[in-house]
Structures are given as structure tokens and as C-alpha cells.
Amino acid sequence: MTNIDIVRITPDDWALFRDIRLRALADAPGAFGSRFDDWVDAPESSWRSRLENVKLNLVARHGDEAVGMASGSLDGDDAALISMWVDPVARGTGTAQALIEAVVGWARGLERTTYLMVRSDNPRAIAAYERAGFVYLGVPDDHDGPPENRMVHRSDAK
């Protein structure tokens, strides 16, 4: 798969975001803090609010098809890469790398450190993040639920 375009979306793109987010939640329910059942019947206003409250929302497109998504949120002096997902048909095509680079570039433009959290039982995602330059910082002591690795982009590691 070539010609992946990374597109920044706005609250007016709520229907596109809803469609890809629901696909992501159905495909990888353990990878997100949200659940499919929490969002499947959500009204337009909830989708718009999510896109307004999270500063950066990206969709990877192959032609007319959305094949991935990632978001960037501000967290104190840092930026967090969140809501990362790539459709199974686009895995291994560079789509994840393009999304990750776009979020890291956005954060760098704001002079912020980029970090992320990834479940310890998701080796494919961990490998993708490592290839993109993230390094392992460990599992935070105050984290509830399944173990999640905190990773930071190596250009930002202190």
C-alpha cells in the first residue's frame, strides 16, 4: 500500500472520526481507555466534543479509505500520542510510522516532549513505537489496570 496521506481532521469531520474510531474500538478493544459500547450510540455532539477537546486528530487515508488514526493531546509540558490505530489491511505498510511522525512533529513544533502509553501485551505496537524512535521508561507506579509501558521519543528523552 503506497500513497498514504495524513490528514488533520476537525469537529466538522466527526462522522469520519466516528467511523474509524468505532472500527478501532471493535478491532482492538484492549488498546484503548474507551469501549465500543460507550461510543457506538454516542450522539454527534459527543463526537464533536472529543475532536474539540483533543488538540490534534489525524486520519491516515489511502485514496478515499481511512486506514488509520492517531491523536495528540497536551499534558502539562508534554504531548501524548493517544488513540493510535491502523486498520489490519494497512499494517506493515508504513502507515503507523507516518502517523507517529506526524504527532511527534506536531509536538516538536510546540517544543513539547512526546510520550505514549502502550499495553505490555501489545508487542506489535511496542515494536512500531521503537522503530519510530521511542524508548521504554517503564510502567508508572500510579497506573491502574493492565500494565502499560510509558515510552518517550528518544529525541526528547532526558
N, C-alpha and C. Protein backbone atom coordinates (compact mmCIF):
# COMPACT_ATOMS: atom_id res chain seq x y z
N MET A 1 0.86 -1.17 0.00
CA MET A 1 0.00 0.00 0.00
C MET A 1 0.91 1.23 0.00
N THR A 2 0.75 2.06 -0.99
CA THR A 2 1.53 3.29 -1.06
C THR A 2 0.59 4.48 -1.08
N ASN A 3 1.16 5.64 -1.12
CA ASN A 3 0.37 6.87 -1.17
C ASN A 3 -0.57 7.01 0.02
N ILE A 4 -0.01 6.99 1.18
CA ILE A 4 -0.78 7.24 2.40
C ILE A 4 -0.72 8.75 2.67
N ASP A 5 -1.87 9.35 2.83
CA ASP A 5 -1.95 10.76 3.18
C ASP A 5 -2.39 10.88 4.64
N ILE A 6 -1.72 11.74 5.38
CA ILE A 6 -2.09 12.01 6.76
C ILE A 6 -2.85 13.34 6.75
N VAL A 7 -4.09 13.29 7.24
CA VAL A 7 -4.98 14.44 7.18
C VAL A 7 -5.39 14.84 8.60
N ARG A 8 -5.26 16.13 8.89
CA ARG A 8 -5.73 16.64 10.18
C ARG A 8 -7.23 16.88 10.07
N ILE A 9 -7.98 16.35 11.04
CA ILE A 9 -9.43 16.49 10.99
C ILE A 9 -9.91 17.43 12.08
N THR A 10 -11.11 17.95 11.89
CA THR A 10 -11.71 18.92 12.79
C THR A 10 -13.07 18.38 13.26
N PRO A 11 -13.73 19.09 14.16
CA PRO A 11 -15.06 18.65 14.60
C PRO A 11 -16.05 18.47 13.45
N ASP A 12 -15.86 19.19 12.35
CA ASP A 12 -16.76 19.01 11.20
C ASP A 12 -16.58 17.64 10.53
N ASP A 13 -15.48 16.97 10.84
CA ASP A 13 -15.21 15.63 10.30
C ASP A 13 -15.65 14.53 11.28
N TRP A 14 -16.58 14.86 12.16
CA TRP A 14 -16.99 13.93 13.22
C TRP A 14 -17.46 12.58 12.68
N ALA A 15 -18.15 12.56 11.55
CA ALA A 15 -18.67 11.29 11.02
C ALA A 15 -17.53 10.38 10.56
N LEU A 16 -16.52 10.96 9.93
CA LEU A 16 -15.34 10.19 9.53
C LEU A 16 -14.64 9.65 10.77
N PHE A 17 -14.46 10.51 11.77
CA PHE A 17 -13.81 10.07 13.00
C PHE A 17 -14.62 8.98 13.69
N ARG A 18 -15.94 9.15 13.75
CA ARG A 18 -16.80 8.14 14.37
C ARG A 18 -16.58 6.79 13.70
N ASP A 19 -16.59 6.78 12.37
CA ASP A 19 -16.46 5.51 11.65
C ASP A 19 -15.14 4.82 11.94
N ILE A 20 -14.04 5.56 11.88
CA ILE A 20 -12.74 4.91 12.10
C ILE A 20 -12.52 4.58 13.57
N ARG A 21 -13.01 5.43 14.46
CA ARG A 21 -12.86 5.16 15.89
C ARG A 21 -13.63 3.92 16.31
N LEU A 22 -14.84 3.75 15.78
CA LEU A 22 -15.61 2.55 16.10
C LEU A 22 -14.95 1.30 15.52
N ARG A 23 -14.37 1.40 14.33
CA ARG A 23 -13.62 0.26 13.77
C ARG A 23 -12.45 -0.09 14.68
N ALA A 24 -11.75 0.94 15.18
CA ALA A 24 -10.61 0.71 16.05
C ALA A 24 -11.03 0.06 17.37
N LEU A 25 -12.08 0.59 17.97
CA LEU A 25 -12.55 0.03 19.24
C LEU A 25 -13.04 -1.40 19.10
N ALA A 26 -13.62 -1.73 17.95
CA ALA A 26 -14.08 -3.11 17.71
C ALA A 26 -12.90 -4.04 17.45
N ASP A 27 -11.89 -3.55 16.73
CA ASP A 27 -10.74 -4.37 16.36
C ASP A 27 -9.79 -4.61 17.53
N ALA A 28 -9.58 -3.58 18.35
CA ALA A 28 -8.57 -3.66 19.42
C ALA A 28 -9.14 -3.13 20.73
N PRO A 29 -10.14 -3.81 21.29
CA PRO A 29 -10.82 -3.27 22.47
C PRO A 29 -9.92 -3.05 23.68
N GLY A 30 -8.87 -3.81 23.81
CA GLY A 30 -7.99 -3.66 24.96
C GLY A 30 -6.97 -2.56 24.82
N ALA A 31 -6.86 -1.97 23.64
CA ALA A 31 -5.82 -0.98 23.39
C ALA A 31 -6.22 0.44 23.75
N PHE A 32 -7.48 0.63 24.09
CA PHE A 32 -7.99 1.98 24.33
C PHE A 32 -8.60 2.08 25.72
N GLY A 33 -8.64 3.30 26.24
CA GLY A 33 -9.30 3.55 27.51
C GLY A 33 -10.81 3.56 27.36
N SER A 34 -11.28 3.78 26.14
CA SER A 34 -12.72 3.79 25.86
C SER A 34 -13.16 2.42 25.36
N ARG A 35 -14.46 2.18 25.45
CA ARG A 35 -15.02 0.92 24.97
C ARG A 35 -15.98 1.19 23.82
N PHE A 36 -16.11 0.23 22.93
CA PHE A 36 -17.02 0.32 21.79
C PHE A 36 -18.44 0.64 22.28
N ASP A 37 -18.88 -0.08 23.31
CA ASP A 37 -20.24 0.11 23.82
C ASP A 37 -20.49 1.53 24.34
N ASP A 38 -19.43 2.20 24.79
CA ASP A 38 -19.57 3.57 25.29
C ASP A 38 -19.78 4.57 24.17
N TRP A 39 -19.35 4.21 22.96
CA TRP A 39 -19.37 5.16 21.85
C TRP A 39 -20.31 4.81 20.72
N VAL A 40 -20.72 3.57 20.60
CA VAL A 40 -21.48 3.14 19.43
C VAL A 40 -22.76 3.95 19.22
N ASP A 41 -23.41 4.34 20.26
CA ASP A 41 -24.65 5.12 20.14
C ASP A 41 -24.47 6.58 20.54
N ALA A 42 -23.24 7.04 20.62
CA ALA A 42 -22.98 8.42 21.04
C ALA A 42 -23.53 9.40 20.00
N PRO A 43 -24.10 10.49 20.47
CA PRO A 43 -24.65 11.49 19.55
C PRO A 43 -23.53 12.30 18.88
N GLU A 44 -23.89 12.99 17.83
CA GLU A 44 -22.95 13.84 17.11
C GLU A 44 -22.22 14.79 18.06
N SER A 45 -22.92 15.35 19.03
CA SER A 45 -22.30 16.31 19.94
C SER A 45 -21.13 15.69 20.72
N SER A 46 -21.23 14.42 21.06
CA SER A 46 -20.13 13.75 21.78
C SER A 46 -18.91 13.59 20.88
N TRP A 47 -19.14 13.23 19.63
CA TRP A 47 -18.02 13.08 18.68
C TRP A 47 -17.36 14.43 18.43
N ARG A 48 -18.16 15.46 18.24
CA ARG A 48 -17.61 16.80 18.03
C ARG A 48 -16.82 17.26 19.25
N SER A 49 -17.33 16.98 20.43
CA SER A 49 -16.66 17.37 21.66
C SER A 49 -15.30 16.69 21.77
N ARG A 50 -15.24 15.41 21.46
CA ARG A 50 -13.96 14.68 21.51
C ARG A 50 -12.95 15.35 20.58
N LEU A 51 -13.38 15.71 19.38
CA LEU A 51 -12.47 16.33 18.42
C LEU A 51 -12.09 17.76 18.82
N GLU A 52 -12.94 18.44 19.55
CA GLU A 52 -12.62 19.78 20.04
C GLU A 52 -11.67 19.74 21.23
N ASN A 53 -11.83 18.76 22.10
CA ASN A 53 -11.06 18.70 23.34
C ASN A 53 -9.66 18.12 23.18
N VAL A 54 -9.45 17.34 22.15
CA VAL A 54 -8.13 16.79 21.87
C VAL A 54 -7.52 17.65 20.76
N LYS A 55 -6.35 18.21 21.02
CA LYS A 55 -5.78 19.25 20.16
C LYS A 55 -5.41 18.81 18.75
N LEU A 56 -4.98 17.57 18.57
CA LEU A 56 -4.55 17.09 17.26
C LEU A 56 -5.24 15.77 16.96
N ASN A 57 -5.94 15.69 15.84
CA ASN A 57 -6.61 14.46 15.42
C ASN A 57 -6.27 14.21 13.96
N LEU A 58 -5.68 13.05 13.70
CA LEU A 58 -5.21 12.71 12.37
C LEU A 58 -5.86 11.43 11.87
N VAL A 59 -6.08 11.40 10.57
CA VAL A 59 -6.55 10.19 9.90
C VAL A 59 -5.59 9.90 8.76
N ALA A 60 -5.21 8.63 8.64
CA ALA A 60 -4.40 8.18 7.50
C ALA A 60 -5.37 7.70 6.43
N ARG A 61 -5.16 8.19 5.21
CA ARG A 61 -6.04 7.83 4.11
C ARG A 61 -5.23 7.18 3.00
N HIS A 62 -5.81 6.15 2.43
CA HIS A 62 -5.29 5.53 1.21
C HIS A 62 -6.41 5.72 0.19
N GLY A 63 -6.23 6.71 -0.68
CA GLY A 63 -7.32 7.07 -1.59
C GLY A 63 -8.46 7.63 -0.77
N ASP A 64 -9.64 7.07 -0.97
CA ASP A 64 -10.82 7.53 -0.23
C ASP A 64 -11.04 6.77 1.08
N GLU A 65 -10.20 5.80 1.35
CA GLU A 65 -10.41 4.94 2.52
C GLU A 65 -9.56 5.38 3.71
N ALA A 66 -10.18 5.53 4.87
CA ALA A 66 -9.46 5.81 6.11
C ALA A 66 -8.88 4.50 6.62
N VAL A 67 -7.55 4.47 6.83
CA VAL A 67 -6.88 3.23 7.22
C VAL A 67 -6.11 3.36 8.52
N GLY A 68 -6.23 4.49 9.20
CA GLY A 68 -5.54 4.65 10.47
C GLY A 68 -5.88 5.97 11.11
N MET A 69 -5.53 6.08 12.38
CA MET A 69 -5.79 7.32 13.11
C MET A 69 -4.79 7.43 14.25
N ALA A 70 -4.58 8.67 14.69
CA ALA A 70 -3.78 8.96 15.88
C ALA A 70 -4.15 10.36 16.33
N SER A 71 -3.96 10.59 17.61
CA SER A 71 -4.24 11.91 18.16
C SER A 71 -3.08 12.34 19.04
N GLY A 72 -3.02 13.64 19.26
CA GLY A 72 -2.03 14.21 20.17
C GLY A 72 -2.74 15.10 21.16
N SER A 73 -2.47 14.90 22.43
CA SER A 73 -3.09 15.75 23.44
C SER A 73 -2.00 16.41 24.27
N LEU A 74 -2.33 17.56 24.81
CA LEU A 74 -1.38 18.27 25.65
C LEU A 74 -1.55 17.80 27.09
N ASP A 75 -0.41 17.57 27.75
CA ASP A 75 -0.42 17.07 29.12
C ASP A 75 0.69 17.79 29.88
N GLY A 76 0.36 18.89 30.54
CA GLY A 76 1.38 19.68 31.20
C GLY A 76 2.35 20.23 30.18
N ASP A 77 3.64 19.96 30.40
CA ASP A 77 4.66 20.42 29.46
C ASP A 77 4.93 19.40 28.36
N ASP A 78 4.20 18.30 28.36
CA ASP A 78 4.41 17.23 27.40
C ASP A 78 3.25 17.15 26.41
N ALA A 79 3.45 16.33 25.39
CA ALA A 79 2.39 15.96 24.46
C ALA A 79 2.29 14.45 24.45
N ALA A 80 1.07 13.94 24.49
CA ALA A 80 0.86 12.49 24.49
C ALA A 80 0.33 12.04 23.14
N LEU A 81 0.93 11.00 22.60
CA LEU A 81 0.40 10.34 21.41
C LEU A 81 -0.66 9.37 21.93
N ILE A 82 -1.91 9.58 21.52
CA ILE A 82 -3.01 8.76 22.00
C ILE A 82 -3.85 8.25 20.83
N SER A 83 -4.70 7.30 21.12
CA SER A 83 -5.71 6.80 20.16
C SER A 83 -5.10 6.35 18.84
N MET A 84 -3.96 5.71 18.92
CA MET A 84 -3.27 5.21 17.72
C MET A 84 -3.89 3.90 17.28
N TRP A 85 -4.21 3.80 16.00
CA TRP A 85 -4.73 2.55 15.45
C TRP A 85 -4.51 2.54 13.95
N VAL A 86 -4.16 1.37 13.42
CA VAL A 86 -4.03 1.15 11.99
C VAL A 86 -4.87 -0.06 11.61
N ASP A 87 -5.67 0.11 10.58
CA ASP A 87 -6.51 -0.98 10.07
C ASP A 87 -5.63 -2.17 9.72
N PRO A 88 -6.08 -3.40 10.00
CA PRO A 88 -5.28 -4.57 9.67
C PRO A 88 -4.81 -4.61 8.21
N VAL A 89 -5.60 -4.09 7.28
CA VAL A 89 -5.19 -4.12 5.87
C VAL A 89 -4.01 -3.20 5.60
N ALA A 90 -3.75 -2.24 6.49
CA ALA A 90 -2.67 -1.28 6.28
C ALA A 90 -1.48 -1.50 7.20
N ARG A 91 -1.52 -2.53 8.03
CA ARG A 91 -0.40 -2.79 8.93
C ARG A 91 0.80 -3.28 8.13
N GLY A 92 1.97 -2.81 8.52
CA GLY A 92 3.19 -3.19 7.81
C GLY A 92 3.44 -2.38 6.55
N THR A 93 2.68 -1.31 6.35
CA THR A 93 2.81 -0.50 5.12
C THR A 93 3.47 0.85 5.35
N GLY A 94 3.84 1.16 6.58
CA GLY A 94 4.39 2.47 6.89
C GLY A 94 3.35 3.45 7.40
N THR A 95 2.09 3.02 7.45
CA THR A 95 1.02 3.90 7.91
C THR A 95 1.24 4.31 9.37
N ALA A 96 1.57 3.35 10.22
CA ALA A 96 1.81 3.67 11.63
C ALA A 96 2.96 4.66 11.75
N GLN A 97 4.04 4.43 11.02
CA GLN A 97 5.18 5.33 11.10
C GLN A 97 4.81 6.75 10.67
N ALA A 98 4.01 6.87 9.62
CA ALA A 98 3.60 8.19 9.15
C ALA A 98 2.74 8.91 10.20
N LEU A 99 1.84 8.19 10.83
CA LEU A 99 1.01 8.79 11.88
C LEU A 99 1.86 9.21 13.08
N ILE A 100 2.75 8.33 13.51
CA ILE A 100 3.62 8.62 14.65
C ILE A 100 4.48 9.85 14.35
N GLU A 101 5.10 9.88 13.18
CA GLU A 101 5.95 11.02 12.82
C GLU A 101 5.16 12.32 12.80
N ALA A 102 3.91 12.26 12.36
CA ALA A 102 3.09 13.48 12.32
C ALA A 102 2.81 13.99 13.73
N VAL A 103 2.51 13.10 14.66
CA VAL A 103 2.25 13.53 16.04
C VAL A 103 3.54 14.05 16.68
N VAL A 104 4.65 13.35 16.49
CA VAL A 104 5.93 13.79 17.06
C VAL A 104 6.32 15.16 16.48
N GLY A 105 6.12 15.34 15.19
CA GLY A 105 6.43 16.62 14.55
C GLY A 105 5.57 17.75 15.10
N TRP A 106 4.29 17.47 15.31
CA TRP A 106 3.39 18.47 15.90
C TRP A 106 3.88 18.86 17.29
N ALA A 107 4.21 17.87 18.12
CA ALA A 107 4.68 18.13 19.48
C ALA A 107 6.00 18.90 19.46
N ARG A 108 6.89 18.52 18.57
CA ARG A 108 8.18 19.20 18.48
C ARG A 108 7.98 20.67 18.11
N GLY A 109 7.01 20.92 17.21
CA GLY A 109 6.71 22.30 16.84
C GLY A 109 6.20 23.13 18.00
N LEU A 110 5.66 22.47 19.01
CA LEU A 110 5.19 23.15 20.22
C LEU A 110 6.24 23.10 21.33
N GLU A 111 7.43 22.57 20.99
CA GLU A 111 8.54 22.40 21.94
C GLU A 111 8.12 21.54 23.13
N ARG A 112 7.43 20.44 22.81
CA ARG A 112 6.95 19.52 23.85
C ARG A 112 7.61 18.15 23.67
N THR A 113 7.79 17.48 24.78
CA THR A 113 8.25 16.10 24.79
C THR A 113 7.07 15.20 24.42
N THR A 114 7.30 14.23 23.56
CA THR A 114 6.25 13.30 23.16
C THR A 114 6.39 11.99 23.91
N TYR A 115 5.32 11.60 24.58
CA TYR A 115 5.31 10.31 25.25
C TYR A 115 4.04 9.56 24.86
N LEU A 116 3.98 8.30 25.21
CA LEU A 116 2.80 7.48 24.97
C LEU A 116 2.74 6.38 26.01
N MET A 117 1.58 5.78 26.09
CA MET A 117 1.38 4.60 26.94
C MET A 117 0.92 3.48 26.02
N VAL A 118 1.51 2.30 26.18
CA VAL A 118 1.13 1.14 25.37
C VAL A 118 1.10 -0.09 26.26
N ARG A 119 0.06 -0.88 26.08
CA ARG A 119 -0.08 -2.09 26.90
C ARG A 119 1.09 -3.03 26.69
N SER A 120 1.52 -3.63 27.79
CA SER A 120 2.65 -4.55 27.77
C SER A 120 2.39 -5.78 26.91
N ASP A 121 1.11 -6.12 26.70
CA ASP A 121 0.77 -7.31 25.91
C ASP A 121 0.49 -6.97 24.45
N ASN A 122 1.04 -5.85 23.96
CA ASN A 122 0.87 -5.45 22.57
C ASN A 122 2.24 -5.30 21.90
N PRO A 123 2.94 -6.44 21.67
CA PRO A 123 4.31 -6.36 21.16
C PRO A 123 4.42 -5.72 19.78
N ARG A 124 3.41 -5.87 18.95
CA ARG A 124 3.47 -5.27 17.61
C ARG A 124 3.49 -3.74 17.72
N ALA A 125 2.65 -3.18 18.59
CA ALA A 125 2.63 -1.73 18.77
C ALA A 125 3.94 -1.26 19.39
N ILE A 126 4.43 -1.98 20.39
CA ILE A 126 5.70 -1.60 21.02
C ILE A 126 6.81 -1.56 19.98
N ALA A 127 6.86 -2.58 19.12
CA ALA A 127 7.89 -2.61 18.07
C ALA A 127 7.75 -1.42 17.12
N ALA A 128 6.53 -1.07 16.76
CA ALA A 128 6.31 0.08 15.87
C ALA A 128 6.80 1.36 16.53
N TYR A 129 6.51 1.52 17.81
CA TYR A 129 6.95 2.72 18.51
C TYR A 129 8.47 2.76 18.64
N GLU A 130 9.09 1.60 18.89
CA GLU A 130 10.55 1.56 18.97
C GLU A 130 11.18 1.92 17.62
N ARG A 131 10.62 1.39 16.52
CA ARG A 131 11.13 1.74 15.19
C ARG A 131 11.01 3.24 14.92
N ALA A 132 10.01 3.87 15.51
CA ALA A 132 9.79 5.30 15.31
C ALA A 132 10.62 6.16 16.28
N GLY A 133 11.43 5.52 17.11
CA GLY A 133 12.33 6.28 17.97
C GLY A 133 11.90 6.44 19.41
N PHE A 134 10.92 5.66 19.85
CA PHE A 134 10.51 5.73 21.25
C PHE A 134 11.32 4.75 22.07
N VAL A 135 11.60 5.13 23.32
CA VAL A 135 12.33 4.26 24.23
C VAL A 135 11.47 4.00 25.47
N TYR A 136 11.69 2.86 26.05
CA TYR A 136 10.92 2.37 27.19
C TYR A 136 11.34 3.09 28.47
N LEU A 137 10.35 3.58 29.22
CA LEU A 137 10.63 4.21 30.51
C LEU A 137 10.10 3.39 31.68
N GLY A 138 9.31 2.35 31.42
CA GLY A 138 8.79 1.52 32.49
C GLY A 138 7.30 1.69 32.67
N VAL A 139 6.77 0.97 33.65
CA VAL A 139 5.35 1.03 33.98
C VAL A 139 5.20 1.99 35.15
N PRO A 140 4.43 3.06 35.00
CA PRO A 140 4.26 4.01 36.10
C PRO A 140 3.67 3.34 37.34
N ASP A 141 4.14 3.75 38.50
CA ASP A 141 3.67 3.20 39.78
C ASP A 141 2.19 3.48 40.01
N ASP A 142 1.71 4.61 39.54
CA ASP A 142 0.32 5.01 39.83
C ASP A 142 -0.68 4.54 38.79
N HIS A 143 -0.27 3.61 37.94
CA HIS A 143 -1.16 3.17 36.86
C HIS A 143 -2.07 2.04 37.33
N ASP A 144 -3.37 2.19 37.07
CA ASP A 144 -4.34 1.13 37.38
C ASP A 144 -4.61 0.32 36.12
N GLY A 145 -5.06 -0.91 36.28
CA GLY A 145 -5.42 -1.75 35.15
C GLY A 145 -4.25 -2.54 34.62
N PRO A 146 -4.39 -3.09 33.40
CA PRO A 146 -3.31 -3.90 32.82
C PRO A 146 -2.03 -3.08 32.69
N PRO A 147 -0.88 -3.72 32.83
CA PRO A 147 0.38 -2.98 32.74
C PRO A 147 0.52 -2.25 31.40
N GLU A 148 0.90 -0.99 31.48
CA GLU A 148 1.15 -0.19 30.28
C GLU A 148 2.55 0.40 30.38
N ASN A 149 3.28 0.27 29.29
CA ASN A 149 4.62 0.84 29.22
C ASN A 149 4.52 2.32 28.90
N ARG A 150 5.26 3.12 29.61
CA ARG A 150 5.42 4.53 29.24
C ARG A 150 6.64 4.59 28.35
N MET A 151 6.49 5.22 27.21
CA MET A 151 7.59 5.37 26.27
C MET A 151 7.70 6.86 25.92
N VAL A 152 8.93 7.30 25.65
CA VAL A 152 9.16 8.69 25.26
C VAL A 152 9.99 8.68 23.98
N HIS A 153 9.75 9.66 23.14
CA HIS A 153 10.54 9.74 21.90
C HIS A 153 11.98 10.04 22.27
N ARG A 154 12.92 9.30 21.69
CA ARG A 154 14.32 9.38 22.12
C ARG A 154 14.91 10.78 21.92
N SER A 155 14.39 11.56 20.97
CA SER A 155 14.89 12.92 20.80
C SER A 155 14.50 13.79 21.99
N ASP A 156 13.53 13.31 22.78
CA ASP A 156 13.04 14.06 23.93
C ASP A 156 13.49 13.45 25.26
N ALA A 157 14.10 12.25 25.21
CA ALA A 157 14.47 11.55 26.44
C ALA A 157 15.50 12.36 27.22
N LYS A 158 15.31 12.40 28.50
CA LYS A 158 16.22 13.17 29.36
C LYS A 158 17.04 12.22 30.21
